[in-house]
C-alpha atoms as a PDB file:
ATOM      1  CA  MET A   1    -139.461  91.056  58.677  1.00  0.00           C
ATOM      2  CA  SER A   2    -139.620  90.168  62.401  1.00  0.00           C
ATOM      3  CA  LYS A   3    -139.177  86.610  63.640  1.00  0.00           C
ATOM      4  CA  GLU A   4    -141.140  85.393  66.710  1.00  0.00           C
ATOM      5  CA  PRO A   5    -138.929  85.025  69.828  1.00  0.00           C
ATOM      6  CA  SER A   6    -139.361  81.250  69.723  1.00  0.00           C
ATOM      7  CA  ASP A   7    -137.793  81.311  66.236  1.00  0.00           C
ATOM      8  CA  PHE A   8    -134.382  82.435  67.617  1.00  0.00           C
ATOM      9  CA  HIS A   9    -131.611  80.194  68.901  1.00  0.00           C
ATOM     10  CA  THR A  10    -128.142  80.475  70.279  1.00  0.00           C
ATOM     11  CA  PHE A  11    -125.224  79.480  67.973  1.00  0.00           C
ATOM     12  CA  THR A  12    -125.234  76.058  69.738  1.00  0.00           C
ATOM     13  CA  GLY A  13    -128.924  75.803  69.202  1.00  0.00           C
ATOM     14  CA  TYR A  14    -128.597  76.341  65.471  1.00  0.00           C
ATOM     15  CA  ARG A  15    -125.788  73.799  65.414  1.00  0.00           C
ATOM     16  CA  MET A  16    -127.781  71.323  67.079  1.00  0.00           C
ATOM     17  CA  THR A  17    -130.698  71.587  64.733  1.00  0.00           C
ATOM     18  CA  SER A  18    -128.246  71.459  61.807  1.00  0.00           C
ATOM     19  CA  ARG A  19    -127.969  68.097  59.828  1.00  0.00           C
ATOM     20  CA  GLN A  20    -124.303  68.875  59.176  1.00  0.00           C
ATOM     21  CA  GLU A  21    -122.082  65.865  60.364  1.00  0.00           C
ATOM     22  CA  LEU A  22    -118.824  67.733  60.181  1.00  0.00           C
ATOM     23  CA  THR A  23    -117.912  70.179  63.038  1.00  0.00           C
ATOM     24  CA  PRO A  24    -115.882  73.392  62.032  1.00  0.00           C
ATOM     25  CA  ALA A  25    -112.706  71.719  63.285  1.00  0.00           C
ATOM     26  CA  MET A  26    -113.344  68.686  61.229  1.00  0.00           C
ATOM     27  CA  GLU A  27    -113.821  70.853  58.200  1.00  0.00           C
ATOM     28  CA  ASP A  28    -110.528  72.555  58.749  1.00  0.00           C
ATOM     29  CA  TYR A  29    -108.585  69.175  58.937  1.00  0.00           C
ATOM     30  CA  LEU A  30    -110.528  67.855  55.826  1.00  0.00           C
ATOM     31  CA  GLU A  31    -109.651  71.063  53.921  1.00  0.00           C
ATOM     32  CA  MET A  32    -106.032  70.719  54.849  1.00  0.00           C
ATOM     33  CA  ILE A  33    -106.015  67.090  53.942  1.00  0.00           C
ATOM     34  CA  TYR A  34    -107.440  67.915  50.523  1.00  0.00           C
ATOM     35  CA  ARG A  35    -104.768  70.702  50.030  1.00  0.00           C
ATOM     36  CA  LEU A  36    -102.032  68.253  50.850  1.00  0.00           C
ATOM     37  CA  TYR A  37    -103.532  65.623  48.751  1.00  0.00           C
ATOM     38  CA  HIS A  38    -102.817  67.881  45.766  1.00  0.00           C
ATOM     39  CA  GLN A  39     -99.168  68.575  46.805  1.00  0.00           C
ATOM     40  CA  GLN A  40     -98.272  65.166  47.655  1.00  0.00           C
ATOM     41  CA  GLN A  41     -99.738  61.678  47.562  1.00  0.00           C
ATOM     42  CA  LYS A  42     -98.774  60.539  51.109  1.00  0.00           C
ATOM     43  CA  ILE A  43    -100.176  62.438  54.069  1.00  0.00           C
ATOM     44  CA  ARG A  44     -99.210  61.470  57.534  1.00  0.00           C
ATOM     45  CA  ILE A  45    -100.514  62.758  61.058  1.00  0.00           C
ATOM     46  CA  GLY A  46     -97.261  64.705  61.499  1.00  0.00           C
ATOM     47  CA  ASP A  47     -97.685  66.370  58.171  1.00  0.00           C
ATOM     48  CA  LEU A  48    -101.275  67.483  58.894  1.00  0.00           C
ATOM     49  CA  SER A  49    -100.266  68.483  62.466  1.00  0.00           C
ATOM     50  CA  ARG A  50     -97.526  70.870  61.230  1.00  0.00           C
ATOM     51  CA  HIS A  51     -99.639  72.481  58.760  1.00  0.00           C
ATOM     52  CA  LEU A  52    -102.540  73.153  61.217  1.00  0.00           C
ATOM     53  CA  ASN A  53    -100.194  74.047  64.121  1.00  0.00           C
ATOM     54  CA  VAL A  54    -101.746  71.385  66.397  1.00  0.00           C
ATOM     55  CA  GLN A  55    -100.612  68.602  68.486  1.00  0.00           C
ATOM     56  CA  PRO A  56    -100.453  65.084  66.746  1.00  0.00           C
ATOM     57  CA  SER A  57    -102.762  63.570  69.282  1.00  0.00           C
ATOM     58  CA  SER A  58    -105.552  66.110  68.473  1.00  0.00           C
ATOM     59  CA  THR A  59    -104.768  65.392  64.729  1.00  0.00           C
ATOM     60  CA  THR A  60    -105.248  61.656  65.332  1.00  0.00           C
ATOM     61  CA  LYS A  61    -108.597  62.071  67.176  1.00  0.00           C
ATOM     62  CA  ILE A  62    -109.979  64.333  64.283  1.00  0.00           C
ATOM     63  CA  VAL A  63    -108.802  61.999  61.573  1.00  0.00           C
ATOM     64  CA  GLN A  64    -110.336  59.060  63.444  1.00  0.00           C
ATOM     65  CA  ARG A  65    -113.656  60.880  63.446  1.00  0.00           C
ATOM     66  CA  LEU A  66    -113.233  61.700  59.652  1.00  0.00           C
ATOM     67  CA  LYS A  67    -112.705  57.949  59.033  1.00  0.00           C
ATOM     68  CA  GLN A  68    -115.859  57.175  60.922  1.00  0.00           C
ATOM     69  CA  PHE A  69    -117.825  59.367  58.708  1.00  0.00           C
ATOM     70  CA  GLY A  70    -116.266  57.992  55.650  1.00  0.00           C
ATOM     71  CA  TYR A  71    -114.055  60.848  54.535  1.00  0.00           C
ATOM     72  CA  VAL A  72    -110.733  59.435  54.829  1.00  0.00           C
ATOM     73  CA  ASP A  73    -109.109  55.948  55.143  1.00  0.00           C
ATOM     74  CA  PHE A  74    -106.578  55.692  58.024  1.00  0.00           C
ATOM     75  CA  GLU A  75    -104.699  53.121  60.122  1.00  0.00           C
ATOM     76  CA  LYS A  76    -102.607  54.034  63.233  1.00  0.00           C
ATOM     77  CA  TYR A  77     -99.166  55.090  62.007  1.00  0.00           C
ATOM     78  CA  GLY A  78    -100.111  54.981  58.395  1.00  0.00           C
ATOM     79  CA  ASP A  79    -100.907  57.326  55.651  1.00  0.00           C
ATOM     80  CA  ILE A  80    -104.237  59.452  55.419  1.00  0.00           C
ATOM     81  CA  ALA A  81    -106.099  58.765  52.190  1.00  0.00           C
ATOM     82  CA  LEU A  82    -109.195  60.627  51.081  1.00  0.00           C
ATOM     83  CA  THR A  83    -112.236  58.525  50.120  1.00  0.00           C
ATOM     84  CA  ASP A  84    -114.274  59.674  47.096  1.00  0.00           C
ATOM     85  CA  LYS A  85    -116.726  61.353  49.775  1.00  0.00           C
ATOM     86  CA  GLY A  86    -113.645  63.138  51.198  1.00  0.00           C
ATOM     87  CA  ILE A  87    -112.482  64.288  47.869  1.00  0.00           C
ATOM     88  CA  LEU A  88    -115.913  65.858  46.984  1.00  0.00           C
ATOM     89  CA  GLU A  89    -116.278  67.464  50.383  1.00  0.00           C
ATOM     90  CA  GLY A  90    -112.570  68.700  50.405  1.00  0.00           C
ATOM     91  CA  GLU A  91    -113.016  70.163  46.996  1.00  0.00           C
ATOM     92  CA  TYR A  92    -116.086  72.034  48.253  1.00  0.00           C
ATOM     93  CA  LEU A  93    -114.300  73.228  51.409  1.00  0.00           C
ATOM     94  CA  LEU A  94    -111.289  74.624  49.520  1.00  0.00           C
ATOM     95  CA  TYR A  95    -113.658  76.416  46.951  1.00  0.00           C
ATOM     96  CA  ARG A  96    -115.633  78.013  49.792  1.00  0.00           C
ATOM     97  CA  HIS A  97    -112.356  79.252  51.418  1.00  0.00           C
ATOM     98  CA  GLU A  98    -111.125  80.622  48.233  1.00  0.00           C
ATOM     99  CA  ILE A  99    -114.382  82.514  47.389  1.00  0.00           C
ATOM    100  CA  LEU A 100    -114.546  83.977  50.904  1.00  0.00           C
ATOM    101  CA  HIS A 101    -111.114  84.911  50.608  1.00  0.00           C
ATOM    102  CA  ARG A 102    -111.379  86.688  47.318  1.00  0.00           C
ATOM    103  CA  PHE A 103    -114.611  88.451  48.498  1.00  0.00           C
ATOM    104  CA  LEU A 104    -112.985  89.678  51.626  1.00  0.00           C
ATOM    105  CA  CYS A 105    -109.933  90.871  49.913  1.00  0.00           C
ATOM    106  CA  VAL A 106    -112.023  92.780  47.374  1.00  0.00           C
ATOM    107  CA  LEU A 107    -114.449  94.127  49.980  1.00  0.00           C
ATOM    108  CA  ASN A 108    -111.409  95.284  52.193  1.00  0.00           C
ATOM    109  CA  HIS A 109    -109.010  96.165  49.306  1.00  0.00           C
ATOM    110  CA  SER A 110    -106.351  94.033  50.753  1.00  0.00           C
ATOM    111  CA  ASP A 111    -104.319  90.987  49.773  1.00  0.00           C
ATOM    112  CA  ASP A 112    -104.647  88.721  52.775  1.00  0.00           C
ATOM    113  CA  GLU A 113    -107.857  88.076  54.788  1.00  0.00           C
ATOM    114  CA  LEU A 114    -106.997  84.513  55.948  1.00  0.00           C
ATOM    115  CA  GLU A 115    -107.766  85.082  59.635  1.00  0.00           C
ATOM    116  CA  GLN A 116    -111.237  86.414  58.845  1.00  0.00           C
ATOM    117  CA  VAL A 117    -112.016  83.660  56.385  1.00  0.00           C
ATOM    118  CA  GLU A 118    -111.012  81.112  59.011  1.00  0.00           C
ATOM    119  CA  LYS A 119    -113.376  82.518  61.504  1.00  0.00           C
ATOM    120  CA  ILE A 120    -116.373  82.797  59.327  1.00  0.00           C
ATOM    121  CA  GLU A 121    -116.208  80.054  56.623  1.00  0.00           C
ATOM    122  CA  HIS A 122    -117.996  77.502  58.680  1.00  0.00           C
ATOM    123  CA  PHE A 123    -121.166  79.388  59.074  1.00  0.00           C
ATOM    124  CA  MET A 124    -122.170  79.910  55.509  1.00  0.00           C
ATOM    125  CA  ASP A 125    -124.262  77.619  53.496  1.00  0.00           C
ATOM    126  CA  LYS A 126    -123.682  76.574  49.818  1.00  0.00           C
ATOM    127  CA  LYS A 127    -126.261  79.066  48.406  1.00  0.00           C
ATOM    128  CA  THR A 128    -124.708  81.865  50.258  1.00  0.00           C
ATOM    129  CA  ILE A 129    -121.287  80.930  49.085  1.00  0.00           C
ATOM    130  CA  LEU A 130    -122.605  80.879  45.388  1.00  0.00           C
ATOM    131  CA  GLU A 131    -124.057  84.269  45.744  1.00  0.00           C
ATOM    132  CA  ILE A 132    -120.965  85.679  47.425  1.00  0.00           C
ATOM    133  CA  GLU A 133    -119.021  84.366  44.397  1.00  0.00           C
ATOM    134  CA  LYS A 134    -121.404  86.111  42.004  1.00  0.00           C
ATOM    135  CA  LEU A 135    -121.079  89.415  44.035  1.00  0.00           C
ATOM    136  CA  THR A 136    -117.338  89.186  44.176  1.00  0.00           C
ATOM    137  CA  GLN A 137    -117.105  88.718  40.405  1.00  0.00           C
ATOM    138  CA  LEU A 138    -119.386  91.936  40.124  1.00  0.00           C
ATOM    139  CA  LEU A 139    -117.093  93.920  42.509  1.00  0.00           C
ATOM    140  CA  GLU A 140    -113.950  92.675  40.618  1.00  0.00           C
ATOM    141  CA  ASN A 141    -115.267  93.826  37.306  1.00  0.00           C
ATOM    142  CA  ASP A 142    -116.815  97.157  38.417  1.00  0.00           C
ATOM    143  CA  PRO A 143    -114.600 100.035  37.521  1.00  0.00           C
ATOM    144  CA  HIS A 144    -116.410 102.381  39.874  1.00  0.00           C
ATOM    145  CA  TYR A 145    -115.750 100.149  42.706  1.00  0.00           C
ATOM    146  CA  GLN A 146    -112.087  99.479  41.820  1.00  0.00           C
ATOM    147  CA  ASN A 147    -111.555 103.417  41.570  1.00  0.00           C
ATOM    148  CA  ASP A 148    -112.739 103.785  45.111  1.00  0.00           C
ATOM    149  CA  LEU A 149    -109.384 102.057  46.097  1.00  0.00           C
END
């Protein structure tokens, strides 16, 4: 099935027509906040910066944006707390990450595909992630595929 030339866009063009309010960077920060939320109750800018290997000033800017969109509560020099909206989105972002990681590990017969997951996870919609989860389960349970290792 061929698309008309006017149906195609650059990556930026697709991004601009998307209704998604979170940028890929914001998703990375929110996913990490969610991970830290499960490990410790108090999350500070310094903790988040260290876990993401970024400067605290960059972290502060993104956390302020997440606050504007209602994903976190945060006051300067204070703790970062997830809102209900942030918990729901963070849970999905971690689920998406884990599904893609499992899929790529099965596909590539490896134990670690973190870099690839980080590069592609922002570009998959929820329906695609659900279908990848089903495919991963099939591949994990297929003895013929597993014997090809």
